[in-house]
Amino acid sequence: FRVRYWTEAGVSPWSLSSNPCRTLPALPDAPGRPEVYGVPLSKADGLEVMVRWAAPIGKVDGYEITVRPQSATAPPRVERVQCRPAGDVGMVRANIGGLNGDAEYTFVVY
């Protein structure tokens, strides 16, 4: 970078250049729409489902998944997961547990 100033009398010469700096990498694209894959499994803390989605282009270290019960009384919760390939090229998966039986949920991946 270089700077200069101006006044009523005119414009100054440019300064010497700054040291180089590196910008942050570009943000990856948004992940694909999540889908429940397979059947729910019974676990000690409730039911568990596998959710999968299309991986975005770019380097991703992890995801946040909002688990939103459709009942008005239960609050949504956020699960943080590491990247795990789903076996299908370009897909990512996560197992989400602690779900109640006979309940509807939506999943949002960030």
PDB file of N, CA and C in Angstrom:
ATOM      1  N   PHE A   1       0.844  -1.178   0.000  1.00  0.00           N
ATOM      2  CA  PHE A   1       0.000   0.000   0.000  1.00  0.00           C
ATOM      3  C   PHE A   1       0.883   1.232   0.000  1.00  0.00           C
ATOM      4  N   ARG A   2       0.366   2.294  -0.574  1.00  0.00           N
ATOM      5  CA  ARG A   2       1.027   3.592  -0.520  1.00  0.00           C
ATOM      6  C   ARG A   2      -0.032   4.624  -0.184  1.00  0.00           C
ATOM      7  N   VAL A   3       0.389   5.708   0.434  1.00  0.00           N
ATOM      8  CA  VAL A   3      -0.557   6.771   0.773  1.00  0.00           C
ATOM      9  C   VAL A   3       0.019   8.122   0.360  1.00  0.00           C
ATOM     10  N   ARG A   4      -0.866   9.074   0.238  1.00  0.00           N
ATOM     11  CA  ARG A   4      -0.471  10.470   0.053  1.00  0.00           C
ATOM     12  C   ARG A   4      -1.597  11.325   0.594  1.00  0.00           C
ATOM     13  N   TYR A   5      -1.348  12.591   0.770  1.00  0.00           N
ATOM     14  CA  TYR A   5      -2.383  13.473   1.311  1.00  0.00           C
ATOM     15  C   TYR A   5      -2.588  14.643   0.358  1.00  0.00           C
ATOM     16  N   TRP A   6      -3.666  15.359   0.597  1.00  0.00           N
ATOM     17  CA  TRP A   6      -3.903  16.570  -0.174  1.00  0.00           C
ATOM     18  C   TRP A   6      -4.350  17.686   0.763  1.00  0.00           C
ATOM     19  N   THR A   7      -4.050  18.891   0.385  1.00  0.00           N
ATOM     20  CA  THR A   7      -4.442  20.099   1.119  1.00  0.00           C
ATOM     21  C   THR A   7      -4.873  21.138   0.094  1.00  0.00           C
ATOM     22  N   GLU A   8      -5.147  22.339   0.594  1.00  0.00           N
ATOM     23  CA  GLU A   8      -5.486  23.430  -0.321  1.00  0.00           C
ATOM     24  C   GLU A   8      -4.335  23.730  -1.266  1.00  0.00           C
ATOM     25  N   ALA A   9      -3.105  23.474  -0.804  1.00  0.00           N
ATOM     26  CA  ALA A   9      -1.915  23.801  -1.604  1.00  0.00           C
ATOM     27  C   ALA A   9      -1.618  22.752  -2.673  1.00  0.00           C
ATOM     28  N   GLY A  10      -2.217  21.568  -2.558  1.00  0.00           N
ATOM     29  CA  GLY A  10      -1.950  20.547  -3.568  1.00  0.00           C
ATOM     30  C   GLY A  10      -1.851  19.153  -2.959  1.00  0.00           C
ATOM     31  N   VAL A  11      -1.259  18.257  -3.730  1.00  0.00           N
ATOM     32  CA  VAL A  11      -1.167  16.842  -3.359  1.00  0.00           C
ATOM     33  C   VAL A  11       0.291  16.492  -3.105  1.00  0.00           C
ATOM     34  N   SER A  12       0.526  15.705  -2.067  1.00  0.00           N
ATOM     35  CA  SER A  12       1.892  15.296  -1.728  1.00  0.00           C
ATOM     36  C   SER A  12       2.344  14.169  -2.653  1.00  0.00           C
ATOM     37  N   PRO A  13       3.667  13.875  -2.639  1.00  0.00           N
ATOM     38  CA  PRO A  13       4.138  12.689  -3.349  1.00  0.00           C
ATOM     39  C   PRO A  13       3.670  11.424  -2.606  1.00  0.00           C
ATOM     40  N   TRP A  14       3.690  10.306  -3.297  1.00  0.00           N
ATOM     41  CA  TRP A  14       3.320   9.031  -2.672  1.00  0.00           C
ATOM     42  C   TRP A  14       4.372   8.616  -1.655  1.00  0.00           C
ATOM     43  N   SER A  15       3.936   7.911  -0.609  1.00  0.00           N
ATOM     44  CA  SER A  15       4.852   7.348   0.386  1.00  0.00           C
ATOM     45  C   SER A  15       5.556   6.137  -0.205  1.00  0.00           C
ATOM     46  N   LEU A  16       6.514   5.600   0.543  1.00  0.00           N
ATOM     47  CA  LEU A  16       7.107   4.323   0.163  1.00  0.00           C
ATOM     48  C   LEU A  16       6.050   3.234   0.339  1.00  0.00           C
ATOM     49  N   SER A  17       6.212   2.117  -0.335  1.00  0.00           N
ATOM     50  CA  SER A  17       5.246   1.007  -0.238  1.00  0.00           C
ATOM     51  C   SER A  17       5.331   0.327   1.119  1.00  0.00           C
ATOM     52  N   SER A  18       4.218  -0.175   1.588  1.00  0.00           N
ATOM     53  CA  SER A  18       4.175  -0.932   2.838  1.00  0.00           C
ATOM     54  C   SER A  18       4.770  -2.317   2.624  1.00  0.00           C
ATOM     55  N   ASN A  19       4.963  -3.042   3.716  1.00  0.00           N
ATOM     56  CA  ASN A  19       5.341  -4.449   3.602  1.00  0.00           C
ATOM     57  C   ASN A  19       4.165  -5.220   3.025  1.00  0.00           C
ATOM     58  N   PRO A  20       4.418  -6.346   2.369  1.00  0.00           N
ATOM     59  CA  PRO A  20       3.299  -7.136   1.819  1.00  0.00           C
ATOM     60  C   PRO A  20       2.410  -7.684   2.933  1.00  0.00           C
ATOM     61  N   CYS A  21       1.147  -7.878   2.632  1.00  0.00           N
ATOM     62  CA  CYS A  21       0.229  -8.509   3.572  1.00  0.00           C
ATOM     63  C   CYS A  21      -0.615  -9.520   2.802  1.00  0.00           C
ATOM     64  N   ARG A  22      -1.109 -10.524   3.502  1.00  0.00           N
ATOM     65  CA  ARG A  22      -1.933 -11.560   2.870  1.00  0.00           C
ATOM     66  C   ARG A  22      -3.365 -11.448   3.387  1.00  0.00           C
ATOM     67  N   THR A  23      -4.305 -11.536   2.479  1.00  0.00           N
ATOM     68  CA  THR A  23      -5.710 -11.498   2.868  1.00  0.00           C
ATOM     69  C   THR A  23      -6.147 -12.902   3.308  1.00  0.00           C
ATOM     70  N   LEU A  24      -7.267 -12.970   3.989  1.00  0.00           N
ATOM     71  CA  LEU A  24      -7.812 -14.254   4.403  1.00  0.00           C
ATOM     72  C   LEU A  24      -8.333 -15.004   3.184  1.00  0.00           C
ATOM     73  N   PRO A  25      -8.370 -16.344   3.251  1.00  0.00           N
ATOM     74  CA  PRO A  25      -8.929 -17.083   2.115  1.00  0.00           C
ATOM     75  C   PRO A  25     -10.416 -16.787   1.940  1.00  0.00           C
ATOM     76  N   ALA A  26     -10.903 -16.997   0.745  1.00  0.00           N
ATOM     77  CA  ALA A  26     -12.319 -16.772   0.457  1.00  0.00           C
ATOM     78  C   ALA A  26     -13.167 -17.782   1.227  1.00  0.00           C
ATOM     79  N   LEU A  27     -14.369 -17.374   1.612  1.00  0.00           N
ATOM     80  CA  LEU A  27     -15.286 -18.279   2.290  1.00  0.00           C
ATOM     81  C   LEU A  27     -15.760 -19.349   1.322  1.00  0.00           C
ATOM     82  N   PRO A  28     -15.974 -20.577   1.809  1.00  0.00           N
ATOM     83  CA  PRO A  28     -16.503 -21.611   0.921  1.00  0.00           C
ATOM     84  C   PRO A  28     -17.967 -21.326   0.589  1.00  0.00           C
ATOM     85  N   ASP A  29     -18.456 -22.023  -0.433  1.00  0.00           N
ATOM     86  CA  ASP A  29     -19.875 -21.914  -0.777  1.00  0.00           C
ATOM     87  C   ASP A  29     -20.720 -22.505   0.345  1.00  0.00           C
ATOM     88  N   ALA A  30     -22.016 -22.281   0.300  1.00  0.00           N
ATOM     89  CA  ALA A  30     -22.932 -22.869   1.287  1.00  0.00           C
ATOM     90  C   ALA A  30     -23.030 -24.369   1.052  1.00  0.00           C
ATOM     91  N   PRO A  31     -23.188 -25.150   2.122  1.00  0.00           N
ATOM     92  CA  PRO A  31     -23.386 -26.590   1.933  1.00  0.00           C
ATOM     93  C   PRO A  31     -24.743 -26.851   1.291  1.00  0.00           C
ATOM     94  N   GLY A  32     -24.888 -28.066   0.746  1.00  0.00           N
ATOM     95  CA  GLY A  32     -26.152 -28.447   0.122  1.00  0.00           C
ATOM     96  C   GLY A  32     -27.249 -28.671   1.159  1.00  0.00           C
ATOM     97  N   ARG A  33     -28.472 -28.821   0.678  1.00  0.00           N
ATOM     98  CA  ARG A  33     -29.622 -29.056   1.556  1.00  0.00           C
ATOM     99  C   ARG A  33     -29.473 -30.423   2.220  1.00  0.00           C
ATOM    100  N   PRO A  34     -29.601 -30.486   3.548  1.00  0.00           N
ATOM    101  CA  PRO A  34     -29.433 -31.773   4.220  1.00  0.00           C
ATOM    102  C   PRO A  34     -30.628 -32.706   3.983  1.00  0.00           C
ATOM    103  N   GLU A  35     -30.341 -33.997   4.026  1.00  0.00           N
ATOM    104  CA  GLU A  35     -31.389 -35.004   3.933  1.00  0.00           C
ATOM    105  C   GLU A  35     -31.095 -36.111   4.934  1.00  0.00           C
ATOM    106  N   VAL A  36     -32.144 -36.678   5.496  1.00  0.00           N
ATOM    107  CA  VAL A  36     -31.985 -37.824   6.394  1.00  0.00           C
ATOM    108  C   VAL A  36     -31.787 -39.045   5.511  1.00  0.00           C
ATOM    109  N   TYR A  37     -30.756 -39.822   5.852  1.00  0.00           N
ATOM    110  CA  TYR A  37     -30.361 -40.959   5.031  1.00  0.00           C
ATOM    111  C   TYR A  37     -30.477 -42.232   5.866  1.00  0.00           C
ATOM    112  N   GLY A  38     -31.187 -43.214   5.377  1.00  0.00           N
ATOM    113  CA  GLY A  38     -31.339 -44.465   6.113  1.00  0.00           C
ATOM    114  C   GLY A  38     -32.481 -44.390   7.114  1.00  0.00           C
ATOM    115  N   VAL A  39     -32.441 -45.277   8.109  1.00  0.00           N
ATOM    116  CA  VAL A  39     -33.499 -45.365   9.123  1.00  0.00           C
ATOM    117  C   VAL A  39     -32.940 -44.936  10.478  1.00  0.00           C
ATOM    118  N   PRO A  40     -33.785 -44.407  11.375  1.00  0.00           N
ATOM    119  CA  PRO A  40     -33.319 -44.040  12.718  1.00  0.00           C
ATOM    120  C   PRO A  40     -32.841 -45.278  13.485  1.00  0.00           C
ATOM    121  N   LEU A  41     -31.792 -45.096  14.278  1.00  0.00           N
ATOM    122  CA  LEU A  41     -31.251 -46.160  15.109  1.00  0.00           C
ATOM    123  C   LEU A  41     -31.551 -45.863  16.568  1.00  0.00           C
ATOM    124  N   SER A  42     -31.868 -46.882  17.352  1.00  0.00           N
ATOM    125  CA  SER A  42     -32.092 -46.705  18.789  1.00  0.00           C
ATOM    126  C   SER A  42     -30.759 -46.637  19.504  1.00  0.00           C
ATOM    127  N   LYS A  43     -30.598 -45.630  20.343  1.00  0.00           N
ATOM    128  CA  LYS A  43     -29.393 -45.448  21.157  1.00  0.00           C
ATOM    129  C   LYS A  43     -29.828 -45.231  22.598  1.00  0.00           C
ATOM    130  N   ALA A  44     -28.882 -45.241  23.523  1.00  0.00           N
ATOM    131  CA  ALA A  44     -29.200 -45.081  24.948  1.00  0.00           C
ATOM    132  C   ALA A  44     -29.872 -43.740  25.237  1.00  0.00           C
ATOM    133  N   ASP A  45     -29.497 -42.686  24.475  1.00  0.00           N
ATOM    134  CA  ASP A  45     -30.051 -41.348  24.735  1.00  0.00           C
ATOM    135  C   ASP A  45     -31.199 -40.998  23.796  1.00  0.00           C
ATOM    136  N   GLY A  46     -31.785 -41.962  23.118  1.00  0.00           N
ATOM    137  CA  GLY A  46     -32.896 -41.695  22.195  1.00  0.00           C
ATOM    138  C   GLY A  46     -32.587 -42.256  20.826  1.00  0.00           C
ATOM    139  N   LEU A  47     -33.170 -41.666  19.815  1.00  0.00           N
ATOM    140  CA  LEU A  47     -32.943 -42.113  18.448  1.00  0.00           C
ATOM    141  C   LEU A  47     -31.823 -41.310  17.796  1.00  0.00           C
ATOM    142  N   GLU A  48     -31.195 -41.919  16.783  1.00  0.00           N
ATOM    143  CA  GLU A  48     -30.112 -41.272  16.042  1.00  0.00           C
ATOM    144  C   GLU A  48     -30.389 -41.435  14.556  1.00  0.00           C
ATOM    145  N   VAL A  49     -30.182 -40.372  13.794  1.00  0.00           N
ATOM    146  CA  VAL A  49     -30.318 -40.431  12.341  1.00  0.00           C
ATOM    147  C   VAL A  49     -29.023 -39.967  11.695  1.00  0.00           C
ATOM    148  N   MET A  50     -28.799 -40.430  10.463  1.00  0.00           N
ATOM    149  CA  MET A  50     -27.674 -39.934   9.674  1.00  0.00           C
ATOM    150  C   MET A  50     -28.221 -38.851   8.755  1.00  0.00           C
ATOM    151  N   VAL A  51     -27.579 -37.692   8.792  1.00  0.00           N
ATOM    152  CA  VAL A  51     -27.935 -36.581   7.918  1.00  0.00           C
ATOM    153  C   VAL A  51     -26.773 -36.409   6.953  1.00  0.00           C
ATOM    154  N   ARG A  52     -27.076 -36.221   5.685  1.00  0.00           N
ATOM    155  CA  ARG A  52     -26.008 -35.989   4.706  1.00  0.00           C
ATOM    156  C   ARG A  52     -26.377 -34.821   3.810  1.00  0.00           C
ATOM    157  N   TRP A  53     -25.343 -34.219   3.205  1.00  0.00           N
ATOM    158  CA  TRP A  53     -25.531 -33.062   2.338  1.00  0.00           C
ATOM    159  C   TRP A  53     -24.359 -32.965   1.386  1.00  0.00           C
ATOM    160  N   ALA A  54     -24.537 -32.185   0.324  1.00  0.00           N
ATOM    161  CA  ALA A  54     -23.472 -31.947  -0.645  1.00  0.00           C
ATOM    162  C   ALA A  54     -22.439 -31.011  -0.035  1.00  0.00           C
ATOM    163  N   ALA A  55     -21.181 -31.392  -0.151  1.00  0.00           N
ATOM    164  CA  ALA A  55     -20.096 -30.566   0.375  1.00  0.00           C
ATOM    165  C   ALA A  55     -19.938 -29.317  -0.483  1.00  0.00           C
ATOM    166  N   PRO A  56     -19.665 -28.175   0.139  1.00  0.00           N
ATOM    167  CA  PRO A  56     -19.416 -26.959  -0.654  1.00  0.00           C
ATOM    168  C   PRO A  56     -18.031 -27.024  -1.286  1.00  0.00           C
ATOM    169  N   ILE A  57     -17.813 -26.181  -2.264  1.00  0.00           N
ATOM    170  CA  ILE A  57     -16.485 -26.069  -2.854  1.00  0.00           C
ATOM    171  C   ILE A  57     -15.647 -25.198  -1.935  1.00  0.00           C
ATOM    172  N   GLY A  58     -14.464 -25.647  -1.609  1.00  0.00           N
ATOM    173  CA  GLY A  58     -13.581 -24.907  -0.718  1.00  0.00           C
ATOM    174  C   GLY A  58     -13.243 -25.728   0.517  1.00  0.00           C
ATOM    175  N   LYS A  59     -12.252 -25.279   1.263  1.00  0.00           N
ATOM    176  CA  LYS A  59     -11.793 -25.984   2.456  1.00  0.00           C
ATOM    177  C   LYS A  59     -12.747 -25.708   3.610  1.00  0.00           C
ATOM    178  N   VAL A  60     -13.231 -26.779   4.245  1.00  0.00           N
ATOM    179  CA  VAL A  60     -14.141 -26.675   5.382  1.00  0.00           C
ATOM    180  C   VAL A  60     -13.580 -27.547   6.498  1.00  0.00           C
ATOM    181  N   ASP A  61     -13.500 -27.019   7.713  1.00  0.00           N
ATOM    182  CA  ASP A  61     -12.995 -27.785   8.848  1.00  0.00           C
ATOM    183  C   ASP A  61     -14.107 -28.456   9.643  1.00  0.00           C
ATOM    184  N   GLY A  62     -15.301 -27.921   9.607  1.00  0.00           N
ATOM    185  CA  GLY A  62     -16.409 -28.487  10.363  1.00  0.00           C
ATOM    186  C   GLY A  62     -17.708 -27.790   9.994  1.00  0.00           C
ATOM    187  N   TYR A  63     -18.791 -28.289  10.557  1.00  0.00           N
ATOM    188  CA  TYR A  63     -20.120 -27.765  10.264  1.00  0.00           C
ATOM    189  C   TYR A  63     -20.892 -27.561  11.555  1.00  0.00           C
ATOM    190  N   GLU A  64     -21.876 -26.694  11.515  1.00  0.00           N
ATOM    191  CA  GLU A  64     -22.864 -26.558  12.581  1.00  0.00           C
ATOM    192  C   GLU A  64     -24.206 -26.963  11.993  1.00  0.00           C
ATOM    193  N   ILE A  65     -24.895 -27.828  12.713  1.00  0.00           N
ATOM    194  CA  ILE A  65     -26.198 -28.316  12.268  1.00  0.00           C
ATOM    195  C   ILE A  65     -27.230 -27.909  13.311  1.00  0.00           C
ATOM    196  N   THR A  66     -28.233 -27.167  12.890  1.00  0.00           N
ATOM    197  CA  THR A  66     -29.338 -26.820  13.782  1.00  0.00           C
ATOM    198  C   THR A  66     -30.354 -27.949  13.709  1.00  0.00           C
ATOM    199  N   VAL A  67     -30.638 -28.528  14.876  1.00  0.00           N
ATOM    200  CA  VAL A  67     -31.639 -29.587  15.000  1.00  0.00           C
ATOM    201  C   VAL A  67     -32.871 -28.913  15.577  1.00  0.00           C
ATOM    202  N   ARG A  68     -33.924 -28.800  14.771  1.00  0.00           N
ATOM    203  CA  ARG A  68     -35.099 -28.032  15.175  1.00  0.00           C
ATOM    204  C   ARG A  68     -36.321 -28.948  15.264  1.00  0.00           C
ATOM    205  N   PRO A  69     -36.752 -29.265  16.514  1.00  0.00           N
ATOM    206  CA  PRO A  69     -37.982 -30.041  16.664  1.00  0.00           C
ATOM    207  C   PRO A  69     -39.166 -29.230  16.162  1.00  0.00           C
ATOM    208  N   GLN A  70     -40.122 -29.886  15.555  1.00  0.00           N
ATOM    209  CA  GLN A  70     -41.286 -29.188  15.025  1.00  0.00           C
ATOM    210  C   GLN A  70     -42.331 -28.902  16.095  1.00  0.00           C
ATOM    211  N   SER A  71     -42.157 -29.502  17.286  1.00  0.00           N
ATOM    212  CA  SER A  71     -43.092 -29.186  18.371  1.00  0.00           C
ATOM    213  C   SER A  71     -42.775 -27.788  18.903  1.00  0.00           C
ATOM    214  N   ALA A  72     -43.802 -27.084  19.330  1.00  0.00           N
ATOM    215  CA  ALA A  72     -43.633 -25.699  19.792  1.00  0.00           C
ATOM    216  C   ALA A  72     -42.938 -25.629  21.150  1.00  0.00           C
ATOM    217  N   THR A  73     -42.894 -26.724  21.896  1.00  0.00           N
ATOM    218  CA  THR A  73     -42.350 -26.665  23.251  1.00  0.00           C
ATOM    219  C   THR A  73     -40.848 -26.955  23.318  1.00  0.00           C
ATOM    220  N   ALA A  74     -40.308 -27.668  22.360  1.00  0.00           N
ATOM    221  CA  ALA A  74     -38.890 -28.039  22.416  1.00  0.00           C
ATOM    222  C   ALA A  74     -38.044 -27.000  21.671  1.00  0.00           C
ATOM    223  N   PRO A  75     -36.973 -26.496  22.309  1.00  0.00           N
ATOM    224  CA  PRO A  75     -36.120 -25.508  21.639  1.00  0.00           C
ATOM    225  C   PRO A  75     -35.163 -26.180  20.646  1.00  0.00           C
ATOM    226  N   PRO A  76     -34.710 -25.451  19.632  1.00  0.00           N
ATOM    227  CA  PRO A  76     -33.708 -26.016  18.725  1.00  0.00           C
ATOM    228  C   PRO A  76     -32.365 -26.131  19.436  1.00  0.00           C
ATOM    229  N   ARG A  77     -31.502 -26.985  18.917  1.00  0.00           N
ATOM    230  CA  ARG A  77     -30.144 -27.102  19.447  1.00  0.00           C
ATOM    231  C   ARG A  77     -29.163 -27.142  18.283  1.00  0.00           C
ATOM    232  N   VAL A  78     -27.916 -26.820  18.573  1.00  0.00           N
ATOM    233  CA  VAL A  78     -26.886 -26.786  17.540  1.00  0.00           C
ATOM    234  C   VAL A  78     -25.863 -27.871  17.827  1.00  0.00           C
ATOM    235  N   GLU A  79     -25.568 -28.680  16.821  1.00  0.00           N
ATOM    236  CA  GLU A  79     -24.535 -29.712  16.890  1.00  0.00           C
ATOM    237  C   GLU A  79     -23.350 -29.244  16.052  1.00  0.00           C
ATOM    238  N   ARG A  80     -22.146 -29.381  16.590  1.00  0.00           N
ATOM    239  CA  ARG A  80     -20.934 -29.079  15.826  1.00  0.00           C
ATOM    240  C   ARG A  80     -20.283 -30.390  15.447  1.00  0.00           C
ATOM    241  N   VAL A  81     -19.969 -30.570  14.173  1.00  0.00           N
ATOM    242  CA  VAL A  81     -19.387 -31.822  13.702  1.00  0.00           C
ATOM    243  C   VAL A  81     -18.179 -31.546  12.815  1.00  0.00           C
ATOM    244  N   GLN A  82     -17.255 -32.489  12.815  1.00  0.00           N
ATOM    245  CA  GLN A  82     -16.108 -32.437  11.918  1.00  0.00           C
ATOM    246  C   GLN A  82     -16.535 -32.961  10.555  1.00  0.00           C
ATOM    247  N   CYS A  83     -15.758 -32.669   9.548  1.00  0.00           N
ATOM    248  CA  CYS A  83     -16.042 -33.150   8.203  1.00  0.00           C
ATOM    249  C   CYS A  83     -15.855 -34.660   8.148  1.00  0.00           C
ATOM    250  N   ARG A  84     -16.849 -35.357   7.607  1.00  0.00           N
ATOM    251  CA  ARG A  84     -16.735 -36.800   7.386  1.00  0.00           C
ATOM    252  C   ARG A  84     -17.338 -37.124   6.029  1.00  0.00           C
ATOM    253  N   PRO A  85     -16.530 -37.612   5.092  1.00  0.00           N
ATOM    254  CA  PRO A  85     -17.093 -37.984   3.792  1.00  0.00           C
ATOM    255  C   PRO A  85     -18.171 -39.040   3.955  1.00  0.00           C
ATOM    256  N   ALA A  86     -19.194 -38.980   3.129  1.00  0.00           N
ATOM    257  CA  ALA A  86     -20.330 -39.898   3.232  1.00  0.00           C
ATOM    258  C   ALA A  86     -20.139 -41.154   2.391  1.00  0.00           C
ATOM    259  N   GLY A  87     -19.044 -41.291   1.690  1.00  0.00           N
ATOM    260  CA  GLY A  87     -18.867 -42.418   0.785  1.00  0.00           C
ATOM    261  C   GLY A  87     -19.235 -42.034  -0.635  1.00  0.00           C
ATOM    262  N   ASP A  88     -20.281 -41.225  -0.794  1.00  0.00           N
ATOM    263  CA  ASP A  88     -20.636 -40.704  -2.113  1.00  0.00           C
ATOM    264  C   ASP A  88     -19.736 -39.504  -2.389  1.00  0.00           C
ATOM    265  N   VAL A  89     -19.198 -39.437  -3.577  1.00  0.00           N
ATOM    266  CA  VAL A  89     -18.296 -38.342  -3.918  1.00  0.00           C
ATOM    267  C   VAL A  89     -19.016 -37.009  -3.744  1.00  0.00           C
ATOM    268  N   GLY A  90     -18.389 -36.091  -3.024  1.00  0.00           N
ATOM    269  CA  GLY A  90     -18.948 -34.757  -2.833  1.00  0.00           C
ATOM    270  C   GLY A  90     -19.994 -34.654  -1.734  1.00  0.00           C
ATOM    271  N   MET A  91     -20.229 -35.729  -0.989  1.00  0.00           N
ATOM    272  CA  MET A  91     -21.226 -35.709   0.089  1.00  0.00           C
ATOM    273  C   MET A  91     -20.527 -35.761   1.442  1.00  0.00           C
ATOM    274  N   VAL A  92     -21.178 -35.185   2.457  1.00  0.00           N
ATOM    275  CA  VAL A  92     -20.691 -35.177   3.835  1.00  0.00           C
ATOM    276  C   VAL A  92     -21.818 -35.714   4.706  1.00  0.00           C
ATOM    277  N   ARG A  93     -21.462 -36.354   5.829  1.00  0.00           N
ATOM    278  CA  ARG A  93     -22.502 -36.915   6.697  1.00  0.00           C
ATOM    279  C   ARG A  93     -22.216 -36.607   8.154  1.00  0.00           C
ATOM    280  N   ALA A  94     -23.264 -36.704   8.956  1.00  0.00           N
ATOM    281  CA  ALA A  94     -23.151 -36.564  10.414  1.00  0.00           C
ATOM    282  C   ALA A  94     -24.254 -37.397  11.041  1.00  0.00           C
ATOM    283  N   ASN A  95     -23.955 -38.026  12.168  1.00  0.00           N
ATOM    284  CA  ASN A  95     -24.962 -38.746  12.936  1.00  0.00           C
ATOM    285  C   ASN A  95     -25.481 -37.813  14.019  1.00  0.00           C
ATOM    286  N   ILE A  96     -26.794 -37.640  14.071  1.00  0.00           N
ATOM    287  CA  ILE A  96     -27.433 -36.750  15.032  1.00  0.00           C
ATOM    288  C   ILE A  96     -28.263 -37.606  15.979  1.00  0.00           C
ATOM    289  N   GLY A  97     -27.917 -37.570  17.267  1.00  0.00           N
ATOM    290  CA  GLY A  97     -28.610 -38.379  18.260  1.00  0.00           C
ATOM    291  C   GLY A  97     -29.453 -37.543  19.204  1.00  0.00           C
ATOM    292  N   GLY A  98     -30.002 -38.215  20.209  1.00  0.00           N
ATOM    293  CA  GLY A  98     -30.808 -37.533  21.214  1.00  0.00           C
ATOM    294  C   GLY A  98     -32.174 -37.120  20.721  1.00  0.00           C
ATOM    295  N   LEU A  99     -32.692 -37.809  19.701  1.00  0.00           N
ATOM    296  CA  LEU A  99     -33.989 -37.468  19.135  1.00  0.00           C
ATOM    297  C   LEU A  99     -35.091 -38.288  19.804  1.00  0.00           C
ATOM    298  N   ASN A 100     -36.254 -37.704  19.926  1.00  0.00           N
ATOM    299  CA  ASN A 100     -37.410 -38.390  20.512  1.00  0.00           C
ATOM    300  C   ASN A 100     -38.132 -39.200  19.444  1.00  0.00           C
ATOM    301  N   GLY A 101     -38.765 -40.291  19.874  1.00  0.00           N
ATOM    302  CA  GLY A 101     -39.579 -41.087  18.968  1.00  0.00           C
ATOM    303  C   GLY A 101     -40.869 -40.362  18.618  1.00  0.00           C
ATOM    304  N   ASP A 102     -41.422 -40.683  17.461  1.00  0.00           N
ATOM    305  CA  ASP A 102     -42.693 -40.122  16.998  1.00  0.00           C
ATOM    306  C   ASP A 102     -42.679 -38.590  17.028  1.00  0.00           C
ATOM    307  N   ALA A 103     -41.580 -37.993  16.571  1.00  0.00           N
ATOM    308  CA  ALA A 103     -41.423 -36.528  16.527  1.00  0.00           C
ATOM    309  C   ALA A 103     -40.854 -36.128  15.173  1.00  0.00           C
ATOM    310  N   GLU A 104     -41.171 -34.918  14.724  1.00  0.00           N
ATOM    311  CA  GLU A 104     -40.650 -34.388  13.475  1.00  0.00           C
ATOM    312  C   GLU A 104     -39.549 -33.375  13.759  1.00  0.00           C
ATOM    313  N   TYR A 105     -38.491 -33.405  12.938  1.00  0.00           N
ATOM    314  CA  TYR A 105     -37.362 -32.501  13.079  1.00  0.00           C
ATOM    315  C   TYR A 105     -36.999 -31.948  11.703  1.00  0.00           C
ATOM    316  N   THR A 106     -36.436 -30.746  11.692  1.00  0.00           N
ATOM    317  CA  THR A 106     -35.776 -30.235  10.490  1.00  0.00           C
ATOM    318  C   THR A 106     -34.320 -30.012  10.862  1.00  0.00           C
ATOM    319  N   PHE A 107     -33.441 -30.073   9.849  1.00  0.00           N
ATOM    320  CA  PHE A 107     -32.001 -29.923  10.034  1.00  0.00           C
ATOM    321  C   PHE A 107     -31.512 -28.841   9.091  1.00  0.00           C
ATOM    322  N   VAL A 108     -30.711 -27.919   9.605  1.00  0.00           N
ATOM    323  CA  VAL A 108     -30.106 -26.862   8.798  1.00  0.00           C
ATOM    324  C   VAL A 108     -28.594 -26.943   8.992  1.00  0.00           C
ATOM    325  N   VAL A 109     -27.846 -26.999   7.910  1.00  0.00           N
ATOM    326  CA  VAL A 109     -26.382 -27.111   7.970  1.00  0.00           C
ATOM    327  C   VAL A 109     -25.762 -25.762   7.644  1.00  0.00           C
ATOM    328  N   TYR A 110     -24.813 -25.339   8.497  1.00  0.00           N
ATOM    329  CA  TYR A 110     -24.051 -24.097   8.285  1.00  0.00           C
ATOM    330  C   TYR A 110     -22.592 -24.441   8.122  1.00  0.00           C
TER     331      TYR A 110
END
